[in-house]
Amino acid sequence: MEYLVGAAMALGVAVFAALVGFDRDRAFYPTVLIVIASYYDLFAVMAGSVPVLVSESLVLAAFAGLAVIGFRTSLWLVVTGLAAHGLFDFFRGGLIANPGVPAWWPMFCLSFDLGAAASLAWLLVRRAGEAARP
């Protein structure tokens, strides 16, 4: 169920962003990547674990850095960052023991991240096709 809800929410966010025009701003998906990565810091704070917060903050810094670089250079790096965060969701429980993370969160976040990456990739391909038209 978590996978389905995460994927559906990613699709809903992408459709909403397209309908209201948020996705026309190149900062939208990089911001989404930073927000997504910050949730694990929130879970560490909720658990009251400073050592886990430090570990999660290092991960957040890496994804935020990738979001900034992608914003400034190529949004394909943001696609990569979203997909990488989804894959990280799959493995992170074995790397960082964050007691504040709900049991269902990694599956939800994985499918949301991959859905958001696919949405941005589709948007970039569509825009490239439109730009190539005479």
N, C-alpha and C. Protein backbone atom coordinates (compact mmCIF):
# COMPACT_ATOMS: atom_id res chain seq x y z
N MET A 1 0.81 -1.20 0.00
CA MET A 1 0.00 0.00 0.00
C MET A 1 0.86 1.27 0.00
N GLU A 2 1.99 1.22 0.77
CA GLU A 2 2.86 2.40 0.85
C GLU A 2 3.41 2.78 -0.51
N TYR A 3 3.76 1.76 -1.31
CA TYR A 3 4.31 2.02 -2.64
C TYR A 3 3.27 2.70 -3.52
N LEU A 4 2.05 2.21 -3.48
CA LEU A 4 0.98 2.75 -4.29
C LEU A 4 0.66 4.20 -3.90
N VAL A 5 0.58 4.46 -2.61
CA VAL A 5 0.27 5.81 -2.14
C VAL A 5 1.40 6.78 -2.52
N GLY A 6 2.64 6.36 -2.34
CA GLY A 6 3.77 7.21 -2.69
C GLY A 6 3.78 7.56 -4.18
N ALA A 7 3.57 6.55 -5.01
CA ALA A 7 3.55 6.78 -6.46
C ALA A 7 2.37 7.67 -6.86
N ALA A 8 1.20 7.43 -6.26
CA ALA A 8 0.03 8.25 -6.56
C ALA A 8 0.24 9.70 -6.13
N MET A 9 0.87 9.88 -4.97
CA MET A 9 1.12 11.25 -4.51
C MET A 9 2.13 11.97 -5.41
N ALA A 10 3.16 11.24 -5.88
CA ALA A 10 4.13 11.85 -6.79
C ALA A 10 3.43 12.30 -8.07
N LEU A 11 2.57 11.45 -8.60
CA LEU A 11 1.81 11.80 -9.80
C LEU A 11 0.91 13.00 -9.53
N GLY A 12 0.25 12.99 -8.38
CA GLY A 12 -0.62 14.11 -8.02
C GLY A 12 0.14 15.42 -7.90
N VAL A 13 1.30 15.38 -7.28
CA VAL A 13 2.12 16.59 -7.14
C VAL A 13 2.56 17.08 -8.52
N ALA A 14 2.98 16.16 -9.38
CA ALA A 14 3.43 16.54 -10.73
C ALA A 14 2.29 17.15 -11.54
N VAL A 15 1.12 16.55 -11.48
CA VAL A 15 -0.03 17.08 -12.22
C VAL A 15 -0.43 18.45 -11.67
N PHE A 16 -0.50 18.56 -10.35
CA PHE A 16 -0.84 19.84 -9.73
C PHE A 16 0.18 20.92 -10.13
N ALA A 17 1.47 20.57 -10.05
CA ALA A 17 2.51 21.53 -10.40
C ALA A 17 2.39 21.97 -11.85
N ALA A 18 2.02 21.05 -12.73
CA ALA A 18 1.85 21.40 -14.14
C ALA A 18 0.62 22.29 -14.34
N LEU A 19 -0.45 21.96 -13.65
CA LEU A 19 -1.70 22.73 -13.82
C LEU A 19 -1.56 24.17 -13.34
N VAL A 20 -0.88 24.38 -12.22
CA VAL A 20 -0.75 25.74 -11.69
C VAL A 20 0.51 26.45 -12.18
N GLY A 21 1.39 25.72 -12.83
CA GLY A 21 2.58 26.34 -13.41
C GLY A 21 3.82 26.31 -12.54
N PHE A 22 3.76 25.64 -11.39
CA PHE A 22 4.95 25.56 -10.54
C PHE A 22 6.12 24.93 -11.26
N ASP A 23 5.84 23.92 -12.10
CA ASP A 23 6.94 23.21 -12.76
C ASP A 23 7.59 24.01 -13.88
N ARG A 24 7.09 25.20 -14.16
CA ARG A 24 7.74 26.07 -15.14
C ARG A 24 8.97 26.74 -14.55
N ASP A 25 9.02 26.80 -13.23
CA ASP A 25 10.17 27.38 -12.54
C ASP A 25 11.19 26.28 -12.31
N ARG A 26 12.39 26.47 -12.77
CA ARG A 26 13.41 25.42 -12.67
C ARG A 26 13.80 25.11 -11.23
N ALA A 27 13.37 25.94 -10.27
CA ALA A 27 13.67 25.68 -8.86
C ALA A 27 12.70 24.70 -8.21
N PHE A 28 11.59 24.38 -8.88
CA PHE A 28 10.56 23.56 -8.24
C PHE A 28 11.09 22.17 -7.85
N TYR A 29 11.57 21.40 -8.81
CA TYR A 29 12.01 20.03 -8.49
C TYR A 29 13.27 19.99 -7.63
N PRO A 30 14.23 20.91 -7.80
CA PRO A 30 15.34 20.92 -6.84
C PRO A 30 14.86 21.17 -5.40
N THR A 31 13.87 22.04 -5.25
CA THR A 31 13.31 22.28 -3.92
C THR A 31 12.63 21.02 -3.39
N VAL A 32 11.91 20.33 -4.25
CA VAL A 32 11.27 19.07 -3.85
C VAL A 32 12.33 18.08 -3.35
N LEU A 33 13.44 17.98 -4.04
CA LEU A 33 14.52 17.07 -3.62
C LEU A 33 15.04 17.45 -2.24
N ILE A 34 15.24 18.72 -1.99
CA ILE A 34 15.74 19.15 -0.67
C ILE A 34 14.72 18.84 0.42
N VAL A 35 13.46 19.12 0.16
CA VAL A 35 12.42 18.84 1.16
C VAL A 35 12.33 17.35 1.44
N ILE A 36 12.35 16.54 0.39
CA ILE A 36 12.28 15.09 0.56
C ILE A 36 13.43 14.61 1.45
N ALA A 37 14.62 15.08 1.17
CA ALA A 37 15.80 14.63 1.94
C ALA A 37 15.76 15.12 3.38
N SER A 38 15.05 16.20 3.64
CA SER A 38 15.02 16.76 5.00
C SER A 38 14.12 15.98 5.96
N TYR A 39 13.22 15.17 5.45
CA TYR A 39 12.31 14.44 6.34
C TYR A 39 13.04 13.53 7.31
N TYR A 40 14.13 12.92 6.88
CA TYR A 40 14.86 12.04 7.78
C TYR A 40 15.48 12.82 8.94
N ASP A 41 15.84 14.08 8.71
CA ASP A 41 16.32 14.93 9.80
C ASP A 41 15.18 15.17 10.79
N LEU A 42 14.00 15.43 10.26
CA LEU A 42 12.84 15.61 11.12
C LEU A 42 12.60 14.36 11.98
N PHE A 43 12.70 13.19 11.38
CA PHE A 43 12.49 11.96 12.14
C PHE A 43 13.55 11.79 13.23
N ALA A 44 14.78 12.20 12.94
CA ALA A 44 15.84 12.12 13.95
C ALA A 44 15.55 13.06 15.11
N VAL A 45 15.06 14.25 14.81
CA VAL A 45 14.69 15.20 15.86
C VAL A 45 13.54 14.64 16.68
N MET A 46 12.55 14.07 16.02
CA MET A 46 11.42 13.49 16.74
C MET A 46 11.87 12.36 17.67
N ALA A 47 12.89 11.62 17.27
CA ALA A 47 13.41 10.53 18.10
C ALA A 47 14.35 11.05 19.18
N GLY A 48 14.77 12.31 19.08
CA GLY A 48 15.66 12.90 20.07
C GLY A 48 17.08 12.37 20.01
N SER A 49 17.52 11.99 18.82
CA SER A 49 18.85 11.41 18.68
C SER A 49 19.79 12.36 17.94
N VAL A 50 20.69 12.99 18.68
CA VAL A 50 21.64 13.92 18.08
C VAL A 50 22.61 13.20 17.15
N PRO A 51 23.17 12.05 17.52
CA PRO A 51 24.08 11.36 16.59
C PRO A 51 23.40 10.99 15.26
N VAL A 52 22.15 10.56 15.33
CA VAL A 52 21.42 10.23 14.10
C VAL A 52 21.14 11.51 13.30
N LEU A 53 20.82 12.59 14.00
CA LEU A 53 20.59 13.87 13.32
C LEU A 53 21.84 14.31 12.57
N VAL A 54 23.00 14.12 13.16
CA VAL A 54 24.25 14.49 12.48
C VAL A 54 24.41 13.66 11.22
N SER A 55 24.20 12.35 11.32
CA SER A 55 24.32 11.47 10.14
C SER A 55 23.31 11.86 9.06
N GLU A 56 22.06 12.07 9.47
CA GLU A 56 21.02 12.43 8.50
C GLU A 56 21.30 13.80 7.88
N SER A 57 21.87 14.71 8.65
CA SER A 57 22.19 16.04 8.12
C SER A 57 23.28 15.98 7.07
N LEU A 58 24.22 15.07 7.23
CA LEU A 58 25.26 14.89 6.20
C LEU A 58 24.64 14.39 4.90
N VAL A 59 23.69 13.47 5.02
CA VAL A 59 22.99 12.97 3.83
C VAL A 59 22.18 14.09 3.20
N LEU A 60 21.47 14.86 4.04
CA LEU A 60 20.70 16.01 3.52
C LEU A 60 21.62 16.98 2.79
N ALA A 61 22.78 17.25 3.35
CA ALA A 61 23.71 18.18 2.71
C ALA A 61 24.14 17.69 1.33
N ALA A 62 24.35 16.39 1.21
CA ALA A 62 24.74 15.82 -0.09
C ALA A 62 23.62 15.99 -1.12
N PHE A 63 22.39 15.67 -0.72
CA PHE A 63 21.28 15.80 -1.67
C PHE A 63 20.96 17.27 -1.95
N ALA A 64 21.08 18.13 -0.95
CA ALA A 64 20.86 19.56 -1.18
C ALA A 64 21.93 20.11 -2.13
N GLY A 65 23.15 19.66 -1.94
CA GLY A 65 24.22 20.08 -2.85
C GLY A 65 23.94 19.64 -4.28
N LEU A 66 23.49 18.42 -4.44
CA LEU A 66 23.15 17.92 -5.78
C LEU A 66 21.98 18.72 -6.37
N ALA A 67 21.01 19.08 -5.53
CA ALA A 67 19.88 19.89 -6.00
C ALA A 67 20.36 21.26 -6.49
N VAL A 68 21.27 21.87 -5.75
CA VAL A 68 21.78 23.19 -6.14
C VAL A 68 22.59 23.10 -7.43
N ILE A 69 23.45 22.11 -7.50
CA ILE A 69 24.25 21.94 -8.73
C ILE A 69 23.34 21.67 -9.92
N GLY A 70 22.34 20.82 -9.72
CA GLY A 70 21.39 20.53 -10.80
C GLY A 70 20.59 21.76 -11.20
N PHE A 71 20.19 22.56 -10.23
CA PHE A 71 19.48 23.80 -10.51
C PHE A 71 20.32 24.73 -11.37
N ARG A 72 21.60 24.81 -11.05
CA ARG A 72 22.48 25.75 -11.74
C ARG A 72 23.01 25.24 -13.08
N THR A 73 23.02 23.91 -13.26
CA THR A 73 23.61 23.36 -14.48
C THR A 73 22.60 22.60 -15.33
N SER A 74 22.14 21.47 -14.83
CA SER A 74 21.24 20.62 -15.61
C SER A 74 20.23 19.94 -14.69
N LEU A 75 18.97 20.09 -15.00
CA LEU A 75 17.93 19.45 -14.18
C LEU A 75 18.00 17.92 -14.26
N TRP A 76 18.77 17.40 -15.21
CA TRP A 76 18.96 15.94 -15.25
C TRP A 76 19.70 15.47 -14.00
N LEU A 77 20.52 16.33 -13.40
CA LEU A 77 21.15 15.98 -12.12
C LEU A 77 20.11 15.88 -11.01
N VAL A 78 19.06 16.66 -11.09
CA VAL A 78 17.98 16.59 -10.11
C VAL A 78 17.20 15.29 -10.31
N VAL A 79 16.97 14.90 -11.56
CA VAL A 79 16.34 13.60 -11.84
C VAL A 79 17.18 12.51 -11.19
N THR A 80 18.49 12.58 -11.39
CA THR A 80 19.40 11.59 -10.80
C THR A 80 19.32 11.63 -9.27
N GLY A 81 19.27 12.83 -8.70
CA GLY A 81 19.19 12.97 -7.25
C GLY A 81 17.91 12.40 -6.68
N LEU A 82 16.78 12.65 -7.35
CA LEU A 82 15.51 12.09 -6.89
C LEU A 82 15.54 10.56 -6.94
N ALA A 83 16.02 10.03 -8.06
CA ALA A 83 16.11 8.57 -8.18
C ALA A 83 17.09 7.99 -7.17
N ALA A 84 18.21 8.66 -6.97
CA ALA A 84 19.21 8.19 -6.00
C ALA A 84 18.65 8.22 -4.59
N HIS A 85 17.86 9.23 -4.28
CA HIS A 85 17.25 9.27 -2.94
C HIS A 85 16.27 8.12 -2.78
N GLY A 86 15.54 7.80 -3.83
CA GLY A 86 14.65 6.65 -3.77
C GLY A 86 15.41 5.36 -3.50
N LEU A 87 16.51 5.18 -4.17
CA LEU A 87 17.33 3.99 -3.93
C LEU A 87 17.94 4.03 -2.54
N PHE A 88 18.32 5.22 -2.08
CA PHE A 88 18.85 5.37 -0.74
C PHE A 88 17.80 4.98 0.30
N ASP A 89 16.53 5.31 0.03
CA ASP A 89 15.45 4.91 0.94
C ASP A 89 15.44 3.40 1.13
N PHE A 90 15.74 2.68 0.07
CA PHE A 90 15.73 1.22 0.13
C PHE A 90 16.84 0.69 1.04
N PHE A 91 18.02 1.34 1.00
CA PHE A 91 19.19 0.85 1.73
C PHE A 91 19.46 1.57 3.06
N ARG A 92 18.91 2.75 3.26
CA ARG A 92 19.33 3.60 4.37
C ARG A 92 19.09 2.97 5.74
N GLY A 93 18.07 2.14 5.90
CA GLY A 93 17.81 1.51 7.19
C GLY A 93 18.99 0.67 7.67
N GLY A 94 19.73 0.09 6.74
CA GLY A 94 20.92 -0.68 7.09
C GLY A 94 22.15 0.19 7.30
N LEU A 95 22.06 1.46 6.90
CA LEU A 95 23.18 2.39 7.03
C LEU A 95 23.04 3.33 8.22
N ILE A 96 21.83 3.82 8.43
CA ILE A 96 21.56 4.75 9.52
C ILE A 96 20.33 4.24 10.28
N ALA A 97 20.51 3.91 11.54
CA ALA A 97 19.40 3.44 12.38
C ALA A 97 18.70 4.64 13.00
N ASN A 98 17.67 5.12 12.34
CA ASN A 98 16.92 6.29 12.79
C ASN A 98 15.63 5.81 13.42
N PRO A 99 15.53 5.83 14.77
CA PRO A 99 14.35 5.29 15.43
C PRO A 99 13.08 6.11 15.20
N GLY A 100 13.19 7.30 14.66
CA GLY A 100 12.01 8.13 14.42
C GLY A 100 11.31 7.84 13.11
N VAL A 101 11.92 7.05 12.23
CA VAL A 101 11.34 6.78 10.92
C VAL A 101 10.18 5.79 11.07
N PRO A 102 8.98 6.17 10.61
CA PRO A 102 7.88 5.21 10.64
C PRO A 102 8.21 4.00 9.77
N ALA A 103 7.70 2.84 10.14
CA ALA A 103 8.02 1.60 9.42
C ALA A 103 7.65 1.67 7.94
N TRP A 104 6.59 2.37 7.62
CA TRP A 104 6.10 2.45 6.24
C TRP A 104 6.81 3.52 5.41
N TRP A 105 7.53 4.44 6.06
CA TRP A 105 8.09 5.60 5.35
C TRP A 105 9.07 5.24 4.23
N PRO A 106 10.04 4.36 4.44
CA PRO A 106 11.00 4.10 3.36
C PRO A 106 10.33 3.63 2.06
N MET A 107 9.31 2.79 2.16
CA MET A 107 8.61 2.32 0.95
C MET A 107 7.84 3.45 0.29
N PHE A 108 7.17 4.24 1.11
CA PHE A 108 6.42 5.40 0.59
C PHE A 108 7.37 6.37 -0.11
N CYS A 109 8.46 6.70 0.59
CA CYS A 109 9.40 7.69 0.06
C CYS A 109 10.08 7.18 -1.21
N LEU A 110 10.43 5.91 -1.22
CA LEU A 110 11.06 5.32 -2.41
C LEU A 110 10.16 5.50 -3.63
N SER A 111 8.88 5.15 -3.49
CA SER A 111 7.99 5.25 -4.65
C SER A 111 7.70 6.70 -5.00
N PHE A 112 7.60 7.59 -4.00
CA PHE A 112 7.41 9.01 -4.30
C PHE A 112 8.61 9.55 -5.05
N ASP A 113 9.81 9.25 -4.55
CA ASP A 113 11.03 9.75 -5.17
C ASP A 113 11.16 9.30 -6.62
N LEU A 114 10.93 8.02 -6.85
CA LEU A 114 11.04 7.50 -8.21
C LEU A 114 9.95 8.08 -9.11
N GLY A 115 8.76 8.29 -8.56
CA GLY A 115 7.70 8.94 -9.32
C GLY A 115 8.03 10.38 -9.65
N ALA A 116 8.61 11.09 -8.70
CA ALA A 116 9.01 12.48 -8.95
C ALA A 116 10.14 12.54 -9.98
N ALA A 117 11.09 11.59 -9.89
CA ALA A 117 12.18 11.55 -10.87
C ALA A 117 11.62 11.29 -12.27
N ALA A 118 10.69 10.35 -12.37
CA ALA A 118 10.08 10.04 -13.67
C ALA A 118 9.30 11.24 -14.20
N SER A 119 8.60 11.94 -13.32
CA SER A 119 7.83 13.12 -13.75
C SER A 119 8.74 14.21 -14.28
N LEU A 120 9.82 14.48 -13.59
CA LEU A 120 10.76 15.51 -14.06
C LEU A 120 11.43 15.07 -15.36
N ALA A 121 11.80 13.81 -15.46
CA ALA A 121 12.42 13.32 -16.70
C ALA A 121 11.45 13.48 -17.87
N TRP A 122 10.20 13.13 -17.66
CA TRP A 122 9.19 13.28 -18.72
C TRP A 122 9.05 14.75 -19.11
N LEU A 123 9.03 15.64 -18.12
CA LEU A 123 8.92 17.07 -18.38
C LEU A 123 10.11 17.57 -19.20
N LEU A 124 11.31 17.13 -18.85
CA LEU A 124 12.51 17.57 -19.57
C LEU A 124 12.52 17.06 -21.00
N VAL A 125 12.12 15.81 -21.20
CA VAL A 125 12.06 15.25 -22.55
C VAL A 125 11.01 15.99 -23.38
N ARG A 126 9.85 16.26 -22.76
CA ARG A 126 8.79 16.98 -23.47
C ARG A 126 9.24 18.38 -23.86
N ARG A 127 9.91 19.07 -22.94
CA ARG A 127 10.39 20.42 -23.24
C ARG A 127 11.44 20.41 -24.33
N ALA A 128 12.31 19.40 -24.33
CA ALA A 128 13.34 19.29 -25.38
C ALA A 128 12.68 19.06 -26.73
N GLY A 129 11.62 18.25 -26.76
CA GLY A 129 10.90 18.01 -28.00
C GLY A 129 10.21 19.26 -28.51
N GLU A 130 9.64 20.03 -27.61
CA GLU A 130 8.99 21.27 -28.00
C GLU A 130 10.01 22.28 -28.53
N ALA A 131 11.18 22.33 -27.92
CA ALA A 131 12.22 23.26 -28.34
C ALA A 131 12.79 22.89 -29.71
N ALA A 132 12.73 21.60 -30.04
CA ALA A 132 13.30 21.13 -31.30
C ALA A 132 12.35 21.35 -32.48
N ARG A 133 11.09 21.65 -32.19
CA ARG A 133 10.13 21.87 -33.27
C ARG A 133 10.42 23.19 -33.99
N PRO A 134 10.27 23.17 -35.31
CA PRO A 134 10.53 24.41 -36.08
C PRO A 134 9.49 25.47 -35.87
